[in-house]
C-alpha atoms as a PDB file:
ATOM      1  CA  MET A   1      93.300  80.571 179.915  1.00  0.00           C
ATOM      2  CA  LYS A   2      90.014  79.308 179.818  1.00  0.00           C
ATOM      3  CA  PRO A   3      88.194  77.234 177.101  1.00  0.00           C
ATOM      4  CA  GLY A   4      86.746  79.280 174.198  1.00  0.00           C
ATOM      5  CA  LEU A   5      88.753  82.406 174.635  1.00  0.00           C
ATOM      6  CA  PHE A   6      91.086  81.453 171.629  1.00  0.00           C
ATOM      7  CA  GLY A   7      88.647  82.499 169.065  1.00  0.00           C
ATOM      8  CA  ALA A   8      87.194  85.321 170.916  1.00  0.00           C
ATOM      9  CA  ILE A   9      90.510  87.003 170.940  1.00  0.00           C
ATOM     10  CA  GLY A  10      91.900  86.043 167.550  1.00  0.00           C
ATOM     11  CA  ALA A  11      88.411  87.909 166.539  1.00  0.00           C
ATOM     12  CA  LEU A  12      89.064  91.182 168.564  1.00  0.00           C
ATOM     13  CA  SER A  13      90.283  94.156 166.849  1.00  0.00           C
ATOM     14  CA  LEU A  14     108.776 103.904 161.336  1.00  0.00           C
ATOM     15  CA  THR A  15     123.114 108.461 158.072  1.00  0.00           C
ATOM     16  CA  ILE A  16     125.306 107.861 160.261  1.00  0.00           C
ATOM     17  CA  LEU A  17     126.293 111.844 161.373  1.00  0.00           C
ATOM     18  CA  VAL A  18     129.575 112.357 160.609  1.00  0.00           C
ATOM     19  CA  GLY A  19     131.122 115.747 162.309  1.00  0.00           C
ATOM     20  CA  THR A  20     134.695 117.125 162.455  1.00  0.00           C
ATOM     21  CA  SER A  21     136.970 118.704 165.088  1.00  0.00           C
ATOM     22  CA  CYS A  22     139.715 119.695 163.422  1.00  0.00           C
ATOM     23  CA  ASN A  23     142.072 122.832 164.576  1.00  0.00           C
ATOM     24  CA  LYS A  24     144.354 124.895 162.473  1.00  0.00           C
ATOM     25  CA  GLU A  25     147.427 122.257 162.976  1.00  0.00           C
ATOM     26  CA  SER A  26     145.566 119.318 162.484  1.00  0.00           C
ATOM     27  CA  VAL A  27     144.763 117.687 158.777  1.00  0.00           C
ATOM     28  CA  CYS A  28     141.438 115.962 158.251  1.00  0.00           C
ATOM     29  CA  ASP A  29     140.864 112.707 156.928  1.00  0.00           C
ATOM     30  CA  GLU A  30     138.948 109.862 156.843  1.00  0.00           C
ATOM     31  CA  GLU A  31     140.382 107.868 160.184  1.00  0.00           C
ATOM     32  CA  THR A  32     140.505 111.549 162.362  1.00  0.00           C
ATOM     33  CA  ILE A  33     136.442 112.123 161.681  1.00  0.00           C
ATOM     34  CA  PRO A  34     134.653 110.942 164.329  1.00  0.00           C
ATOM     35  CA  GLN A  35     131.395 108.782 163.676  1.00  0.00           C
ATOM     36  CA  GLN A  36     128.093 109.185 165.452  1.00  0.00           C
ATOM     37  CA  GLU A  37     125.133 106.090 165.832  1.00  0.00           C
ATOM     38  CA  GLU A  38     121.839 107.568 164.762  1.00  0.00           C
ATOM     39  CA  ASN A  39     119.763 108.766 167.183  1.00  0.00           C
ATOM     40  CA  GLY A  40     116.481 107.527 166.450  1.00  0.00           C
ATOM     41  CA  LYS A  41     115.637 104.061 164.779  1.00  0.00           C
ATOM     42  CA  GLN A  42     113.980 103.664 161.417  1.00  0.00           C
ATOM     43  CA  MET A  43     110.940 102.344 161.499  1.00  0.00           C
ATOM     44  CA  LEU A  44     107.840 100.049 159.343  1.00  0.00           C
ATOM     45  CA  LEU A  45     104.935 100.406 161.302  1.00  0.00           C
ATOM     46  CA  ILE A  46     101.725  98.106 160.135  1.00  0.00           C
ATOM     47  CA  GLY A  47      98.624  97.663 161.823  1.00  0.00           C
ATOM     48  CA  ASN A  48      94.359  99.016 162.115  1.00  0.00           C
ATOM     49  CA  SER A  49      92.792 101.609 163.400  1.00  0.00           C
ATOM     50  CA  PHE A  50      93.589 100.584 167.168  1.00  0.00           C
ATOM     51  CA  PHE A  51      97.308 101.276 166.039  1.00  0.00           C
ATOM     52  CA  ARG A  52      97.525 103.807 163.606  1.00  0.00           C
ATOM     53  CA  PRO A  53      97.225 106.377 165.952  1.00  0.00           C
ATOM     54  CA  TYR A  54      99.869 105.407 167.940  1.00  0.00           C
ATOM     55  CA  ALA A  55     102.530 104.613 165.451  1.00  0.00           C
ATOM     56  CA  GLU A  56     101.275 108.527 163.535  1.00  0.00           C
ATOM     57  CA  HIS A  57     101.796 110.574 166.614  1.00  0.00           C
ATOM     58  CA  LEU A  58     105.018 108.641 167.605  1.00  0.00           C
ATOM     59  CA  ASP A  59     106.912 110.387 165.050  1.00  0.00           C
ATOM     60  CA  SER A  60     106.230 114.543 167.276  1.00  0.00           C
ATOM     61  CA  VAL A  61     106.863 112.457 170.500  1.00  0.00           C
ATOM     62  CA  ALA A  62     110.405 110.854 168.921  1.00  0.00           C
ATOM     63  CA  LEU A  63     111.381 113.934 168.076  1.00  0.00           C
ATOM     64  CA  ASP A  64     110.585 115.902 171.161  1.00  0.00           C
ATOM     65  CA  ALA A  65     112.406 113.431 173.246  1.00  0.00           C
ATOM     66  CA  GLY A  66     115.246 114.322 171.064  1.00  0.00           C
ATOM     67  CA  TYR A  67     115.574 111.252 168.432  1.00  0.00           C
ATOM     68  CA  THR A  68     116.419 113.672 165.610  1.00  0.00           C
ATOM     69  CA  ASP A  69     116.991 110.395 163.221  1.00  0.00           C
ATOM     70  CA  HIS A  70     113.742 108.685 164.016  1.00  0.00           C
ATOM     71  CA  GLN A  71     111.751 108.141 160.629  1.00  0.00           C
ATOM     72  CA  SER A  72     108.427 106.092 160.222  1.00  0.00           C
ATOM     73  CA  THR A  73     107.218 104.530 157.667  1.00  0.00           C
ATOM     74  CA  VAL A  74     103.208 103.985 158.568  1.00  0.00           C
ATOM     75  CA  VAL A  75     100.923 101.512 156.738  1.00  0.00           C
ATOM     76  CA  SER A  76      97.317 101.132 157.873  1.00  0.00           C
ATOM     77  CA  ARG A  77      94.308  99.237 157.007  1.00  0.00           C
ATOM     78  CA  GLY A  78      90.561  99.251 159.246  1.00  0.00           C
ATOM     79  CA  GLY A  79      89.585  95.608 161.232  1.00  0.00           C
ATOM     80  CA  GLN A  80      90.932  92.293 160.708  1.00  0.00           C
ATOM     81  CA  ASN A  81      92.283  94.351 156.999  1.00  0.00           C
ATOM     82  CA  GLY A  82      95.003  95.814 159.517  1.00  0.00           C
ATOM     83  CA  TRP A  83      96.223  92.086 160.385  1.00  0.00           C
ATOM     84  CA  ALA A  84      99.703  91.251 159.298  1.00  0.00           C
ATOM     85  CA  SER A  85      98.310  87.751 157.827  1.00  0.00           C
ATOM     86  CA  SER A  86      95.624  89.849 155.727  1.00  0.00           C
ATOM     87  CA  PHE A  87      98.606  92.652 154.368  1.00  0.00           C
ATOM     88  CA  TRP A  88     100.748  89.620 153.748  1.00  0.00           C
ATOM     89  CA  ASN A  89      97.900  87.743 152.030  1.00  0.00           C
ATOM     90  CA  ASP A  90      96.530  90.223 149.696  1.00  0.00           C
ATOM     91  CA  SER A  91      99.853  90.482 147.904  1.00  0.00           C
ATOM     92  CA  THR A  92      98.638  92.260 144.826  1.00  0.00           C
ATOM     93  CA  THR A  93      97.756  95.774 146.946  1.00  0.00           C
ATOM     94  CA  GLN A  94      99.864  98.705 146.984  1.00  0.00           C
ATOM     95  CA  GLU A  95     100.087  98.355 151.025  1.00  0.00           C
ATOM     96  CA  CYS A  96     101.692  94.877 150.523  1.00  0.00           C
ATOM     97  CA  GLU A  97     103.887  96.305 148.074  1.00  0.00           C
ATOM     98  CA  LEU A  98     104.683  99.467 149.905  1.00  0.00           C
ATOM     99  CA  ILE A  99     105.692  96.919 153.051  1.00  0.00           C
ATOM    100  CA  LYS A 100     108.052  94.681 151.228  1.00  0.00           C
ATOM    101  CA  SER A 101     109.495  97.741 148.944  1.00  0.00           C
ATOM    102  CA  MET A 102     110.745  99.331 152.619  1.00  0.00           C
ATOM    103  CA  LEU A 103     112.357  95.711 153.661  1.00  0.00           C
ATOM    104  CA  ASP A 104     113.779  95.181 150.417  1.00  0.00           C
ATOM    105  CA  GLU A 105     115.477  98.848 151.162  1.00  0.00           C
ATOM    106  CA  GLY A 106     117.612  96.915 153.946  1.00  0.00           C
ATOM    107  CA  ASN A 107     117.589 100.044 156.788  1.00  0.00           C
ATOM    108  CA  ILE A 108     114.904  99.154 158.953  1.00  0.00           C
ATOM    109  CA  ASP A 109     116.045  98.865 162.474  1.00  0.00           C
ATOM    110  CA  PHE A 110     112.453  98.712 164.033  1.00  0.00           C
ATOM    111  CA  PHE A 111     109.122  96.643 162.669  1.00  0.00           C
ATOM    112  CA  ALA A 112     106.167  96.978 164.485  1.00  0.00           C
ATOM    113  CA  MET A 113     102.284  94.435 163.986  1.00  0.00           C
ATOM    114  CA  THR A 114      99.269  93.773 165.858  1.00  0.00           C
ATOM    115  CA  PRO A 115      98.569  90.545 167.420  1.00  0.00           C
ATOM    116  CA  GLY A 116      95.234  89.848 165.374  1.00  0.00           C
ATOM    117  CA  HIS A 117      95.192  86.815 163.372  1.00  0.00           C
ATOM    118  CA  ASP A 118      93.060  83.896 162.380  1.00  0.00           C
ATOM    119  CA  PRO A 119      92.346  81.507 165.265  1.00  0.00           C
ATOM    120  CA  ASP A 120      93.618  78.725 163.108  1.00  0.00           C
ATOM    121  CA  GLU A 121      97.050  80.070 162.063  1.00  0.00           C
ATOM    122  CA  PRO A 122      98.007  82.504 164.666  1.00  0.00           C
ATOM    123  CA  ILE A 123     101.316  83.421 163.376  1.00  0.00           C
ATOM    124  CA  SER A 124     101.018  82.910 159.811  1.00  0.00           C
ATOM    125  CA  GLY A 125     101.273  85.877 158.347  1.00  0.00           C
ATOM    126  CA  HIS A 126     103.726  87.849 161.107  1.00  0.00           C
ATOM    127  CA  LYS A 127     105.974  84.771 160.359  1.00  0.00           C
ATOM    128  CA  ALA A 128     105.646  85.699 156.706  1.00  0.00           C
ATOM    129  CA  TRP A 129     106.893  88.930 157.188  1.00  0.00           C
ATOM    130  CA  ILE A 130     109.791  88.501 159.931  1.00  0.00           C
ATOM    131  CA  ASN A 131     110.906  85.713 157.291  1.00  0.00           C
ATOM    132  CA  TYR A 132     110.472  88.463 154.364  1.00  0.00           C
ATOM    133  CA  ALA A 133     112.047  91.327 156.146  1.00  0.00           C
ATOM    134  CA  LEU A 134     115.705  89.114 157.940  1.00  0.00           C
ATOM    135  CA  GLN A 135     116.748  88.774 154.312  1.00  0.00           C
ATOM    136  CA  ASN A 136     117.850  92.459 154.204  1.00  0.00           C
ATOM    137  CA  ASN A 137     117.180  93.349 157.662  1.00  0.00           C
ATOM    138  CA  PRO A 138     119.259  90.884 159.527  1.00  0.00           C
ATOM    139  CA  ASN A 139     119.228  92.659 163.011  1.00  0.00           C
ATOM    140  CA  ILE A 140     115.409  94.360 162.890  1.00  0.00           C
ATOM    141  CA  VAL A 141     113.727  94.278 165.760  1.00  0.00           C
ATOM    142  CA  VAL A 142     110.367  93.325 166.087  1.00  0.00           C
ATOM    143  CA  GLY A 143     107.112  94.792 168.285  1.00  0.00           C
ATOM    144  CA  ILE A 144     103.688  93.381 168.822  1.00  0.00           C
ATOM    145  CA  SER A 145     101.292  96.451 169.745  1.00  0.00           C
ATOM    146  CA  LEU A 146      98.758  94.532 172.027  1.00  0.00           C
ATOM    147  CA  PRO A 147      95.307  96.725 171.773  1.00  0.00           C
ATOM    148  CA  PRO A 148      92.347  96.916 173.995  1.00  0.00           C
ATOM    149  CA  VAL A 149      89.216  94.742 173.920  1.00  0.00           C
ATOM    150  CA  ASP A 150      86.288  96.575 171.405  1.00  0.00           C
ATOM    151  CA  PHE A 151      83.164  97.688 172.660  1.00  0.00           C
ATOM    152  CA  PRO A 152      83.600  99.225 175.828  1.00  0.00           C
ATOM    153  CA  ASP A 153      80.016  99.131 176.775  1.00  0.00           C
ATOM    154  CA  SER A 154      80.159  95.165 176.868  1.00  0.00           C
ATOM    155  CA  TRP A 155      83.870  94.576 178.225  1.00  0.00           C
ATOM    156  CA  ASP A 156      82.301  93.808 181.635  1.00  0.00           C
ATOM    157  CA  SER A 157      79.781  90.858 180.346  1.00  0.00           C
ATOM    158  CA  THR A 158      81.579  90.047 177.505  1.00  0.00           C
ATOM    159  CA  ALA A 159      84.185  88.828 180.270  1.00  0.00           C
ATOM    160  CA  GLN A 160      81.535  87.401 182.152  1.00  0.00           C
ATOM    161  CA  SER A 161      80.438  84.950 179.446  1.00  0.00           C
ATOM    162  CA  TYR A 162      83.840  84.087 179.400  1.00  0.00           C
ATOM    163  CA  GLY A 163      83.897  83.378 183.172  1.00  0.00           C
ATOM    164  CA  TYR A 164      85.410  86.579 184.783  1.00  0.00           C
ATOM    165  CA  ASN A 165      84.011  88.660 186.881  1.00  0.00           C
ATOM    166  CA  GLY A 166      84.718  92.308 184.389  1.00  0.00           C
ATOM    167  CA  ILE A 167      87.237  93.481 182.165  1.00  0.00           C
ATOM    168  CA  ASP A 168      90.189  93.814 184.752  1.00  0.00           C
ATOM    169  CA  ASP A 169      90.565  90.120 185.062  1.00  0.00           C
ATOM    170  CA  PHE A 170      89.792  89.737 181.729  1.00  0.00           C
ATOM    171  CA  TYR A 171      91.992  91.630 179.811  1.00  0.00           C
ATOM    172  CA  PRO A 172      94.893  90.121 182.128  1.00  0.00           C
ATOM    173  CA  ALA A 173      94.419  87.175 180.449  1.00  0.00           C
ATOM    174  CA  VAL A 174      94.068  88.368 176.752  1.00  0.00           C
ATOM    175  CA  VAL A 175      97.338  89.683 177.038  1.00  0.00           C
ATOM    176  CA  ASP A 176      98.671  86.492 178.448  1.00  0.00           C
ATOM    177  CA  TYR A 177      96.718  84.569 174.979  1.00  0.00           C
ATOM    178  CA  TRP A 178      98.561  86.767 172.949  1.00  0.00           C
ATOM    179  CA  HIS A 179     101.756  86.611 174.340  1.00  0.00           C
ATOM    180  CA  GLU A 180     101.362  82.426 174.432  1.00  0.00           C
ATOM    181  CA  THR A 181      99.966  82.676 170.926  1.00  0.00           C
ATOM    182  CA  VAL A 182     102.165  85.336 169.266  1.00  0.00           C
ATOM    183  CA  VAL A 183     105.251  86.406 171.188  1.00  0.00           C
ATOM    184  CA  ASP A 184     106.285  83.151 172.622  1.00  0.00           C
ATOM    185  CA  SER A 185     105.335  81.171 169.503  1.00  0.00           C
ATOM    186  CA  LEU A 186     107.185  84.142 167.000  1.00  0.00           C
ATOM    187  CA  ARG A 187     110.037  83.855 169.812  1.00  0.00           C
ATOM    188  CA  TYR A 188     110.124  79.991 169.089  1.00  0.00           C
ATOM    189  CA  GLU A 189     110.244  80.174 165.581  1.00  0.00           C
ATOM    190  CA  PHE A 190     113.163  83.346 165.347  1.00  0.00           C
ATOM    191  CA  PRO A 191     114.858  82.861 168.505  1.00  0.00           C
ATOM    192  CA  GLU A 192     117.383  84.734 167.663  1.00  0.00           C
ATOM    193  CA  THR A 193     115.563  87.827 167.050  1.00  0.00           C
ATOM    194  CA  ASN A 194     114.306  90.657 169.480  1.00  0.00           C
ATOM    195  CA  ILE A 195     110.982  90.295 169.842  1.00  0.00           C
ATOM    196  CA  PHE A 196     109.093  91.633 172.467  1.00  0.00           C
ATOM    197  CA  SER A 197     105.217  93.205 173.326  1.00  0.00           C
ATOM    198  CA  ILE A 198     103.945  96.762 174.022  1.00  0.00           C
ATOM    199  CA  PRO A 199     101.393  97.280 176.085  1.00  0.00           C
ATOM    200  CA  THR A 200      99.237  99.678 174.490  1.00  0.00           C
ATOM    201  CA  GLY A 201      95.664  98.977 175.767  1.00  0.00           C
ATOM    202  CA  TRP A 202      96.181  99.113 179.376  1.00  0.00           C
ATOM    203  CA  ALA A 203      96.173 102.833 178.468  1.00  0.00           C
ATOM    204  CA  THR A 204      92.539 102.661 177.533  1.00  0.00           C
ATOM    205  CA  ILE A 205      91.696 100.367 180.141  1.00  0.00           C
ATOM    206  CA  HIS A 206      93.310 102.486 182.987  1.00  0.00           C
ATOM    207  CA  LEU A 207      91.720 106.052 181.719  1.00  0.00           C
ATOM    208  CA  ALA A 208      88.336 104.564 181.025  1.00  0.00           C
ATOM    209  CA  GLN A 209      88.459 103.296 184.873  1.00  0.00           C
ATOM    210  CA  MET A 210      90.060 106.926 185.998  1.00  0.00           C
ATOM    211  CA  GLN A 211      87.455 108.918 183.870  1.00  0.00           C
ATOM    212  CA  GLN A 212      84.474 106.645 185.452  1.00  0.00           C
ATOM    213  CA  ASP A 213      86.213 106.884 189.535  1.00  0.00           C
ATOM    214  CA  GLU A 214      86.407 110.511 188.987  1.00  0.00           C
ATOM    215  CA  LEU A 215      90.191 110.869 189.080  1.00  0.00           C
ATOM    216  CA  LEU A 216      90.843 112.764 185.510  1.00  0.00           C
ATOM    217  CA  LEU A 217      92.023 116.464 186.295  1.00  0.00           C
ATOM    218  CA  ASP A 218      90.992 117.300 182.782  1.00  0.00           C
ATOM    219  CA  GLU A 219      86.614 117.563 181.544  1.00  0.00           C
ATOM    220  CA  ILE A 220      86.716 113.897 180.052  1.00  0.00           C
ATOM    221  CA  GLU A 221      83.567 112.281 179.102  1.00  0.00           C
ATOM    222  CA  LEU A 222      84.188 108.721 178.388  1.00  0.00           C
ATOM    223  CA  PHE A 223      82.373 108.782 174.733  1.00  0.00           C
ATOM    224  CA  GLY A 224      82.284 111.924 172.145  1.00  0.00           C
ATOM    225  CA  PRO A 225      84.275 113.870 170.406  1.00  0.00           C
ATOM    226  CA  LYS A 226      87.979 113.040 170.309  1.00  0.00           C
ATOM    227  CA  PRO A 227      89.812 115.951 172.096  1.00  0.00           C
ATOM    228  CA  THR A 228      87.624 115.089 175.084  1.00  0.00           C
ATOM    229  CA  SER A 229      86.936 111.880 175.360  1.00  0.00           C
ATOM    230  CA  ILE A 230      88.246 108.087 176.638  1.00  0.00           C
ATOM    231  CA  PHE A 231      86.026 106.752 172.932  1.00  0.00           C
ATOM    232  CA  THR A 232      85.000 108.190 170.063  1.00  0.00           C
ATOM    233  CA  ASP A 233      82.561 106.114 168.939  1.00  0.00           C
ATOM    234  CA  GLU A 234      80.512 102.591 170.001  1.00  0.00           C
ATOM    235  CA  LYS A 235      83.439 100.443 168.299  1.00  0.00           C
ATOM    236  CA  GLY A 236      86.357 102.021 171.472  1.00  0.00           C
ATOM    237  CA  HIS A 237      88.397 103.963 169.497  1.00  0.00           C
ATOM    238  CA  GLN A 238      91.022 106.312 171.076  1.00  0.00           C
ATOM    239  CA  GLY A 239      90.201 109.890 172.512  1.00  0.00           C
ATOM    240  CA  GLN A 240      93.556 112.178 172.656  1.00  0.00           C
ATOM    241  CA  ILE A 241      93.552 111.688 176.374  1.00  0.00           C
ATOM    242  CA  VAL A 242      94.392 107.472 175.321  1.00  0.00           C
ATOM    243  CA  ILE A 243      96.100 108.232 172.079  1.00  0.00           C
ATOM    244  CA  GLU A 244      98.879 110.452 174.831  1.00  0.00           C
ATOM    245  CA  THR A 245      99.212 107.915 176.972  1.00  0.00           C
ATOM    246  CA  GLY A 246      99.735 105.241 174.722  1.00  0.00           C
ATOM    247  CA  THR A 247     102.553 106.971 172.222  1.00  0.00           C
ATOM    248  CA  LEU A 248     104.402 107.785 175.636  1.00  0.00           C
ATOM    249  CA  ILE A 249     104.072 104.081 175.987  1.00  0.00           C
ATOM    250  CA  TRP A 250     105.242 103.209 172.525  1.00  0.00           C
ATOM    251  CA  LEU A 251     108.180 105.711 173.561  1.00  0.00           C
ATOM    252  CA  ALA A 252     109.162 103.972 176.478  1.00  0.00           C
ATOM    253  CA  SER A 253     108.820 100.744 174.976  1.00  0.00           C
ATOM    254  CA  ILE A 254     110.499 100.827 171.816  1.00  0.00           C
ATOM    255  CA  TYR A 255     113.429 103.582 172.703  1.00  0.00           C
ATOM    256  CA  GLY A 256     114.039 103.034 176.516  1.00  0.00           C
ATOM    257  CA  ASP A 257     112.614 106.239 177.613  1.00  0.00           C
ATOM    258  CA  ASN A 258     112.404 107.099 181.590  1.00  0.00           C
ATOM    259  CA  LEU A 259     109.168 109.166 181.102  1.00  0.00           C
ATOM    260  CA  ASN A 260     109.570 110.527 184.572  1.00  0.00           C
ATOM    261  CA  SER A 261     112.167 112.695 183.057  1.00  0.00           C
ATOM    262  CA  ASN A 262     110.427 113.339 179.474  1.00  0.00           C
ATOM    263  CA  ASP A 263     108.950 116.979 179.090  1.00  0.00           C
ATOM    264  CA  TYR A 264     106.542 116.218 176.386  1.00  0.00           C
ATOM    265  CA  VAL A 265     103.498 118.349 176.662  1.00  0.00           C
ATOM    266  CA  THR A 266     100.607 116.118 176.338  1.00  0.00           C
ATOM    267  CA  GLY A 267      97.940 118.841 176.687  1.00  0.00           C
ATOM    268  CA  PHE A 268      96.156 117.215 179.392  1.00  0.00           C
ATOM    269  CA  GLU A 269      96.541 118.035 183.462  1.00  0.00           C
ATOM    270  CA  THR A 270      95.885 114.609 183.861  1.00  0.00           C
ATOM    271  CA  ASP A 271      99.536 112.985 184.773  1.00  0.00           C
ATOM    272  CA  LEU A 272      99.802 111.260 181.383  1.00  0.00           C
ATOM    273  CA  HIS A 273     103.497 110.339 181.985  1.00  0.00           C
ATOM    274  CA  GLY A 274     102.952 108.655 185.880  1.00  0.00           C
ATOM    275  CA  LEU A 275     100.102 106.673 184.174  1.00  0.00           C
ATOM    276  CA  ALA A 276     102.161 105.604 180.887  1.00  0.00           C
ATOM    277  CA  SER A 277     105.581 104.782 183.412  1.00  0.00           C
ATOM    278  CA  GLN A 278     103.040 103.095 185.421  1.00  0.00           C
ATOM    279  CA  ILE A 279     101.812 100.492 182.582  1.00  0.00           C
ATOM    280  CA  ILE A 280     105.224  99.695 181.718  1.00  0.00           C
ATOM    281  CA  ASN A 281     106.786  98.724 185.026  1.00  0.00           C
ATOM    282  CA  ASP A 282     103.823  97.178 185.437  1.00  0.00           C
ATOM    283  CA  HIS A 283     104.013  94.632 182.435  1.00  0.00           C
ATOM    284  CA  ASP A 284     105.946  91.304 182.307  1.00  0.00           C
ATOM    285  CA  GLU A 285     109.614  91.972 182.339  1.00  0.00           C
ATOM    286  CA  SER A 286     109.698  88.462 180.276  1.00  0.00           C
ATOM    287  CA  TYR A 287     108.016  90.579 177.172  1.00  0.00           C
ATOM    288  CA  LYS A 288     109.525  93.737 177.180  1.00  0.00           C
ATOM    289  CA  GLN A 289     112.697  94.895 174.756  1.00  0.00           C
END
């Protein structure tokens, strides 16, 4: 990791089913009623605008994939206000109270956050929330969704200011930084908890490059309206093609789905399943669930 990257990246910005199979001759009682595992996870997803679109869209994609028991609660605030530490420190807000109330119920299987943090206290918020979550959810799994670098018009100049040639070699360093600073540190603090990363940001990086190389099979602009663009504004907020790809990455990362056999209709001609699958395959095995 090159000097100065620490400070720079610190600032970037959701019933058991009971069935019976008794014939006329048999008597049904509790011992003869087969029980099935829940088909879907109960999720709590907290983050900002580079996190919320995937968290919200996952409901539709997971249901389409057959996870009928999938449920999520999404809590979102913009920018740094969506960091784990900000939610925790703003203890009197409605959002903080909602997160705590969901964890207090004790039925959360999966808890996702962003890697955003104060450079001086990289995991203070994540650590506080995981400690709180484990009180009533001892088997909770924690995912850290990795966003892209913001302000895409400045990607290469930002990379070069830190000694990298461009976004292609700068973003892997950003991912390494988050892995080392957030995921590894949390794994050290909570060795019995499954903590992994979701490589969401690569959807943006690859699709932007494909658009510039004219490799997309859809009429997609770099900047413009959400349905037909990679980015909707200078900050780099996601167009729908990015959201679809990123949500498939979430599905595969969280549920372990093979995207090659998933038939969810993304609404785009470009093979977003193939791209998401490639991103999952390229993701460091040691940071998968």
